[in-house]
Amino acid sequence: LMWASRLSNSTHANILLLRGAKVEARDSSGRTALHYAVEGGSLGCIKALLEAGADAQTADNDGIFPIHSVVYFINNCEVGDIISCLCAHGADLETRDNTGFTPLYRAVDLGSHVSVEALIRCGANMN
């Protein structure tokens, strides 16, 4: 499931989920399939995983939540939809990573204009 998510293959992810793949399984870095789907920018995989019960508030071993991964890895037209989808499934826009930064702070730091706009639109605290 993690590999299908990493490859942004929502068809295979759905098949694996239907066959009982564990949506919250973690690798040695503490990452779940949702982390990989977000990093790959696959809205289809993200939706499938969240609908199957993936926890949008699961941090990896480095304290990175899926909502933080959006700003690290995605700078495309679907970023707003991905952020909205994660928030609709319980992602906290004010959650802090292991360095104490919120997703909005990290997006500003990385110069990700698309992510900054999407996070503000979804209600991230600008102060």
C-alpha atoms as a PDB file:
ATOM      1  CA  LEU A   1       0.000   0.000   0.000  1.00  0.00           C
ATOM      2  CA  MET A   2       2.847   2.374   0.799  1.00  0.00           C
ATOM      3  CA  TRP A   3       4.521   1.605  -2.517  1.00  0.00           C
ATOM      4  CA  ALA A   4       1.296   2.143  -4.491  1.00  0.00           C
ATOM      5  CA  SER A   5       0.806   5.435  -2.641  1.00  0.00           C
ATOM      6  CA  ARG A   6       4.400   6.487  -3.256  1.00  0.00           C
ATOM      7  CA  LEU A   7       3.862   5.827  -6.982  1.00  0.00           C
ATOM      8  CA  SER A   8       0.555   7.776  -6.909  1.00  0.00           C
ATOM      9  CA  ASN A   9      -1.277   4.693  -8.157  1.00  0.00           C
ATOM     10  CA  SER A  10      -4.774   5.135  -6.744  1.00  0.00           C
ATOM     11  CA  THR A  11      -6.103   2.107  -8.675  1.00  0.00           C
ATOM     12  CA  HIS A  12      -3.670  -0.242  -6.970  1.00  0.00           C
ATOM     13  CA  ALA A  13      -4.100   1.504  -3.622  1.00  0.00           C
ATOM     14  CA  ASN A  14      -7.864   0.945  -3.835  1.00  0.00           C
ATOM     15  CA  ILE A  15      -7.394  -2.728  -4.732  1.00  0.00           C
ATOM     16  CA  LEU A  16      -5.042  -3.209  -1.792  1.00  0.00           C
ATOM     17  CA  LEU A  17      -7.439  -1.434   0.563  1.00  0.00           C
ATOM     18  CA  LEU A  18     -10.320  -3.612  -0.626  1.00  0.00           C
ATOM     19  CA  ARG A  19      -8.141  -6.682   0.026  1.00  0.00           C
ATOM     20  CA  GLY A  20      -7.488  -5.612   3.610  1.00  0.00           C
ATOM     21  CA  ALA A  21      -4.179  -3.751   3.501  1.00  0.00           C
ATOM     22  CA  LYS A  22      -3.520  -1.994   6.800  1.00  0.00           C
ATOM     23  CA  VAL A  23      -4.016   1.707   6.189  1.00  0.00           C
ATOM     24  CA  GLU A  24      -2.034   2.733   9.290  1.00  0.00           C
ATOM     25  CA  ALA A  25       0.962   0.438   8.750  1.00  0.00           C
ATOM     26  CA  ARG A  26       4.259   2.291   9.254  1.00  0.00           C
ATOM     27  CA  ASP A  27       7.691   1.893   7.746  1.00  0.00           C
ATOM     28  CA  SER A  28      10.974   2.216   9.662  1.00  0.00           C
ATOM     29  CA  SER A  29      10.683   6.036   9.457  1.00  0.00           C
ATOM     30  CA  GLY A  30       7.229   5.966  11.008  1.00  0.00           C
ATOM     31  CA  ARG A  31       5.596   7.031   7.766  1.00  0.00           C
ATOM     32  CA  THR A  32       2.250   5.735   6.597  1.00  0.00           C
ATOM     33  CA  ALA A  33       0.819   5.331   3.109  1.00  0.00           C
ATOM     34  CA  LEU A  34      -0.851   8.723   3.610  1.00  0.00           C
ATOM     35  CA  HIS A  35       2.536  10.413   4.044  1.00  0.00           C
ATOM     36  CA  TYR A  36       3.662   8.918   0.735  1.00  0.00           C
ATOM     37  CA  ALA A  37       0.438   9.759  -1.090  1.00  0.00           C
ATOM     38  CA  VAL A  38       0.722  13.376   0.051  1.00  0.00           C
ATOM     39  CA  GLU A  39       4.381  13.556  -0.963  1.00  0.00           C
ATOM     40  CA  GLY A  40       3.417  12.252  -4.393  1.00  0.00           C
ATOM     41  CA  GLY A  41       0.597  14.755  -4.711  1.00  0.00           C
ATOM     42  CA  SER A  42      -1.932  12.044  -5.500  1.00  0.00           C
ATOM     43  CA  LEU A  43      -5.356  13.375  -4.563  1.00  0.00           C
ATOM     44  CA  GLY A  44      -6.936  10.054  -5.615  1.00  0.00           C
ATOM     45  CA  CYS A  45      -4.710   8.058  -3.253  1.00  0.00           C
ATOM     46  CA  ILE A  46      -5.160  10.593  -0.473  1.00  0.00           C
ATOM     47  CA  LYS A  47      -8.956  10.409  -0.718  1.00  0.00           C
ATOM     48  CA  ALA A  48      -8.933   6.599  -0.852  1.00  0.00           C
ATOM     49  CA  LEU A  49      -6.694   6.339   2.203  1.00  0.00           C
ATOM     50  CA  LEU A  50      -8.664   8.879   4.237  1.00  0.00           C
ATOM     51  CA  GLU A  51     -11.966   7.227   3.339  1.00  0.00           C
ATOM     52  CA  ALA A  52     -10.456   3.904   4.460  1.00  0.00           C
ATOM     53  CA  GLY A  53      -9.660   5.400   7.861  1.00  0.00           C
ATOM     54  CA  ALA A  54      -6.151   6.832   7.538  1.00  0.00           C
ATOM     55  CA  ASP A  55      -5.384   9.273  10.332  1.00  0.00           C
ATOM     56  CA  ALA A  56      -4.524  12.729   8.971  1.00  0.00           C
ATOM     57  CA  GLN A  57      -2.872  13.555  12.319  1.00  0.00           C
ATOM     58  CA  THR A  58      -0.250  10.797  12.341  1.00  0.00           C
ATOM     59  CA  ALA A  59       3.319  12.059  12.650  1.00  0.00           C
ATOM     60  CA  ASP A  60       6.351  10.154  11.411  1.00  0.00           C
ATOM     61  CA  ASN A  61       9.488   9.630  13.517  1.00  0.00           C
ATOM     62  CA  ASP A  62      10.659  13.157  12.647  1.00  0.00           C
ATOM     63  CA  GLY A  63       7.408  14.757  13.788  1.00  0.00           C
ATOM     64  CA  ILE A  64       6.238  15.405  10.226  1.00  0.00           C
ATOM     65  CA  PHE A  65       2.482  15.225   9.707  1.00  0.00           C
ATOM     66  CA  PRO A  66       0.899  14.738   6.274  1.00  0.00           C
ATOM     67  CA  ILE A  67      -0.220  18.405   6.300  1.00  0.00           C
ATOM     68  CA  HIS A  68       3.462  19.395   6.608  1.00  0.00           C
ATOM     69  CA  SER A  69       4.417  17.061   3.764  1.00  0.00           C
ATOM     70  CA  VAL A  70       2.154  19.037   1.446  1.00  0.00           C
ATOM     71  CA  VAL A  71       4.380  22.095   1.668  1.00  0.00           C
ATOM     72  CA  TYR A  72       7.606  20.099   1.408  1.00  0.00           C
ATOM     73  CA  PHE A  73       6.718  18.119  -1.681  1.00  0.00           C
ATOM     74  CA  ILE A  74       3.818  19.649  -3.576  1.00  0.00           C
ATOM     75  CA  ASN A  75       3.738  22.813  -5.615  1.00  0.00           C
ATOM     76  CA  ASN A  76       1.029  22.082  -8.152  1.00  0.00           C
ATOM     77  CA  CYS A  77      -2.521  23.088  -8.936  1.00  0.00           C
ATOM     78  CA  GLU A  78      -4.019  20.391  -6.664  1.00  0.00           C
ATOM     79  CA  VAL A  79      -2.334  21.611  -3.488  1.00  0.00           C
ATOM     80  CA  GLY A  80      -5.460  23.508  -2.393  1.00  0.00           C
ATOM     81  CA  ASP A  81      -7.636  20.442  -2.907  1.00  0.00           C
ATOM     82  CA  ILE A  82      -5.149  18.266  -1.040  1.00  0.00           C
ATOM     83  CA  ILE A  83      -5.000  20.657   1.908  1.00  0.00           C
ATOM     84  CA  SER A  84      -8.811  20.935   1.965  1.00  0.00           C
ATOM     85  CA  CYS A  85      -9.152  17.153   1.850  1.00  0.00           C
ATOM     86  CA  LEU A  86      -6.711  16.659   4.727  1.00  0.00           C
ATOM     87  CA  CYS A  87      -8.466  19.335   6.800  1.00  0.00           C
ATOM     88  CA  ALA A  88     -11.869  17.792   6.119  1.00  0.00           C
ATOM     89  CA  HIS A  89     -10.483  14.578   7.597  1.00  0.00           C
ATOM     90  CA  GLY A  90      -9.070  16.093  10.770  1.00  0.00           C
ATOM     91  CA  ALA A  91      -5.700  17.598   9.856  1.00  0.00           C
ATOM     92  CA  ASP A  92      -4.881  20.477  12.177  1.00  0.00           C
ATOM     93  CA  LEU A  93      -3.453  23.506  10.366  1.00  0.00           C
ATOM     94  CA  GLU A  94      -1.823  24.669  13.599  1.00  0.00           C
ATOM     95  CA  THR A  95      -0.016  21.419  14.362  1.00  0.00           C
ATOM     96  CA  ARG A  96       3.725  21.851  14.780  1.00  0.00           C
ATOM     97  CA  ASP A  97       6.475  19.627  13.481  1.00  0.00           C
ATOM     98  CA  ASN A  98       9.457  18.524  15.586  1.00  0.00           C
ATOM     99  CA  THR A  99      11.110  21.924  15.045  1.00  0.00           C
ATOM    100  CA  GLY A 100       8.021  23.791  16.243  1.00  0.00           C
ATOM    101  CA  PHE A 101       6.842  25.038  12.857  1.00  0.00           C
ATOM    102  CA  THR A 102       3.282  25.077  11.556  1.00  0.00           C
ATOM    103  CA  PRO A 103       2.552  24.145   7.937  1.00  0.00           C
ATOM    104  CA  LEU A 104       2.043  27.832   7.085  1.00  0.00           C
ATOM    105  CA  TYR A 105       5.364  28.848   8.611  1.00  0.00           C
ATOM    106  CA  ARG A 106       7.125  26.063   6.719  1.00  0.00           C
ATOM    107  CA  ALA A 107       5.395  27.017   3.438  1.00  0.00           C
ATOM    108  CA  VAL A 108       6.543  30.629   3.845  1.00  0.00           C
ATOM    109  CA  ASP A 109      10.054  29.454   4.732  1.00  0.00           C
ATOM    110  CA  LEU A 110      10.203  27.272   1.611  1.00  0.00           C
ATOM    111  CA  GLY A 111       8.731  29.972  -0.629  1.00  0.00           C
ATOM    112  CA  SER A 112       5.773  27.816  -1.632  1.00  0.00           C
ATOM    113  CA  HIS A 113       3.312  30.508  -2.715  1.00  0.00           C
ATOM    114  CA  VAL A 114       0.676  27.986  -3.788  1.00  0.00           C
ATOM    115  CA  SER A 115       0.774  26.287  -0.380  1.00  0.00           C
ATOM    116  CA  VAL A 116       0.723  29.600   1.509  1.00  0.00           C
ATOM    117  CA  GLU A 117      -2.405  30.728  -0.327  1.00  0.00           C
ATOM    118  CA  ALA A 118      -4.119  27.361   0.097  1.00  0.00           C
ATOM    119  CA  LEU A 119      -3.344  27.155   3.829  1.00  0.00           C
ATOM    120  CA  ILE A 120      -4.648  30.681   4.447  1.00  0.00           C
ATOM    121  CA  ARG A 121      -7.761  29.936   2.403  1.00  0.00           C
ATOM    122  CA  CYS A 122      -8.370  26.855   4.572  1.00  0.00           C
ATOM    123  CA  GLY A 123      -8.067  28.880   7.773  1.00  0.00           C
ATOM    124  CA  ALA A 124      -4.430  28.730   8.876  1.00  0.00           C
ATOM    125  CA  ASN A 125      -3.588  31.293  11.541  1.00  0.00           C
ATOM    126  CA  MET A 126      -1.381  33.979  10.000  1.00  0.00           C
ATOM    127  CA  ASN A 127      -0.107  35.286  13.357  1.00  0.00           C
END
